[in-house]
Protein backbone atom coordinates (compact mmCIF):
# COMPACT_ATOMS: atom_id res chain seq x y z
CA MET A 1 -0.14 -0.10 -0.16
CA SER A 2 2.51 2.17 1.25
CA GLU A 3 4.20 2.03 -2.42
CA ILE A 4 0.88 2.88 -4.07
CA LEU A 5 0.62 6.32 -2.14
CA GLU A 6 3.86 6.46 -3.12
CA ILE A 7 3.38 6.54 -6.97
CA ILE A 8 -0.53 9.04 -6.35
CA MET A 9 2.36 11.45 -4.54
CA ILE A 10 5.71 10.78 -7.84
CA VAL A 11 2.51 11.23 -10.64
CA SER A 12 0.25 14.14 -9.13
CA PHE A 13 4.23 16.30 -8.27
CA GLY A 14 4.58 14.87 -12.05
CA ALA A 15 1.45 16.04 -13.49
CA SER A 16 1.86 20.01 -12.77
CA TRP A 17 5.62 19.88 -14.16
CA PRO A 18 4.74 20.09 -17.48
CA MET A 19 2.63 23.27 -17.08
CA ASN A 20 5.25 24.36 -15.34
CA VAL A 21 7.48 24.49 -18.08
CA MET A 22 5.25 25.21 -20.69
CA LYS A 23 4.18 28.38 -18.41
CA SER A 24 7.82 29.40 -18.29
CA TYR A 25 8.53 28.71 -21.93
CA LYS A 26 6.02 31.08 -22.86
CA ALA A 27 6.78 33.86 -20.10
CA ARG A 28 9.88 34.47 -22.00
CA THR A 29 10.47 35.68 -17.86
CA ALA A 30 12.24 34.78 -14.70
CA LYS A 31 9.85 37.01 -12.68
CA GLY A 32 8.10 35.57 -9.94
CA LYS A 33 10.27 32.15 -9.90
CA SER A 34 12.67 31.08 -7.24
CA LEU A 35 15.64 29.58 -7.75
CA ALA A 36 16.26 28.04 -4.36
CA PHE A 37 12.67 26.41 -5.00
CA LEU A 38 13.28 24.98 -8.43
CA LEU A 39 17.00 23.84 -7.03
CA LEU A 40 15.51 22.10 -3.55
CA ILE A 41 12.91 20.37 -5.16
CA PHE A 42 15.02 18.57 -7.78
CA PHE A 43 18.14 18.21 -4.80
CA GLY A 44 14.97 16.16 -3.30
CA TYR A 45 13.84 14.07 -6.53
CA ILE A 46 17.57 13.30 -6.18
CA ALA A 47 17.30 12.10 -2.66
CA GLY A 48 14.55 9.71 -3.82
CA ILE A 49 16.37 8.33 -6.76
CA ALA A 50 19.46 7.29 -4.11
CA SER A 51 17.11 6.45 -1.83
CA LYS A 52 15.73 3.80 -4.12
CA PHE A 53 18.94 2.80 -5.44
CA LEU A 54 19.84 2.09 -1.08
CA ASN A 55 17.25 0.30 -0.53
CA GLU A 56 17.97 -3.24 -0.92
CA ALA A 57 14.08 -3.97 -0.23
CA TYR A 58 13.46 -2.10 -3.70
CA MET A 59 16.18 -2.93 -5.37
CA ALA A 60 15.35 -6.68 -4.71
CA SER A 61 12.14 -6.21 -6.76
CA PHE A 62 12.96 -3.40 -9.04
CA SER A 63 12.07 -5.75 -12.42
CA GLU A 64 8.32 -5.48 -10.95
CA LYS A 65 8.85 -2.01 -9.90
CA TRP A 66 10.82 0.00 -12.21
CA TYR A 67 8.30 2.40 -12.84
CA VAL A 68 8.23 3.93 -9.38
CA LEU A 69 11.94 5.34 -10.48
CA PHE A 70 11.09 5.48 -13.77
CA PHE A 71 8.05 8.35 -12.13
CA TYR A 72 11.08 9.96 -10.68
CA PHE A 73 13.59 10.71 -13.31
CA LEU A 74 10.51 11.21 -15.62
CA ASN A 75 9.80 14.46 -12.44
CA LEU A 76 13.54 15.49 -12.07
CA PHE A 77 13.81 15.97 -16.00
CA MET A 78 10.32 18.28 -15.79
CA VAL A 79 12.27 20.20 -13.17
CA GLY A 80 15.73 20.50 -14.94
CA ALA A 81 14.13 21.62 -17.80
CA ASP A 82 12.90 24.24 -15.71
CA LEU A 83 15.39 25.28 -14.53
CA ILE A 84 17.30 25.40 -17.50
CA LEU A 85 14.30 27.81 -18.65
CA TYR A 86 15.05 29.78 -15.47
CA PHE A 87 18.32 30.81 -16.66
CA ARG A 88 17.44 31.51 -20.46
CA ASN A 89 14.03 33.51 -18.47
CA ARG A 90 16.68 34.90 -16.48
CA ASN A 91 19.07 36.09 -19.40
CA LEU A 92 15.58 37.38 -21.67
CA ASP A 93 15.24 40.22 -18.16
CA LYS A 94 18.63 41.18 -18.55
CA LYS A 95 18.80 42.08 -22.19
CA GLU A 96 15.08 43.57 -21.87
CA ALA A 97 16.56 45.02 -18.76
CA LYS A 98 19.06 46.86 -21.17
CA GLN A 99 16.99 48.03 -23.39
């Protein structure tokens, strides 16, 4: 049951990231974004992934439960994309301020 709840949590978080990435892409500004927040989430997903690799019980049943780790990596990728867009948008903000 705990694995099902973990999957629900990861999928719920993961459902919001594509929308956030699209919003960042379209907004073309870093205003209203928090780099500290994005970095905390990014490193949180890294810690979650590391915990799975270090969990002997999980790794023993990896062939049956690989999908949990897949969603961790998918979310990490989405947060990474949002981080890249943050820096792109910050540069766009700097260029706009110079004009």
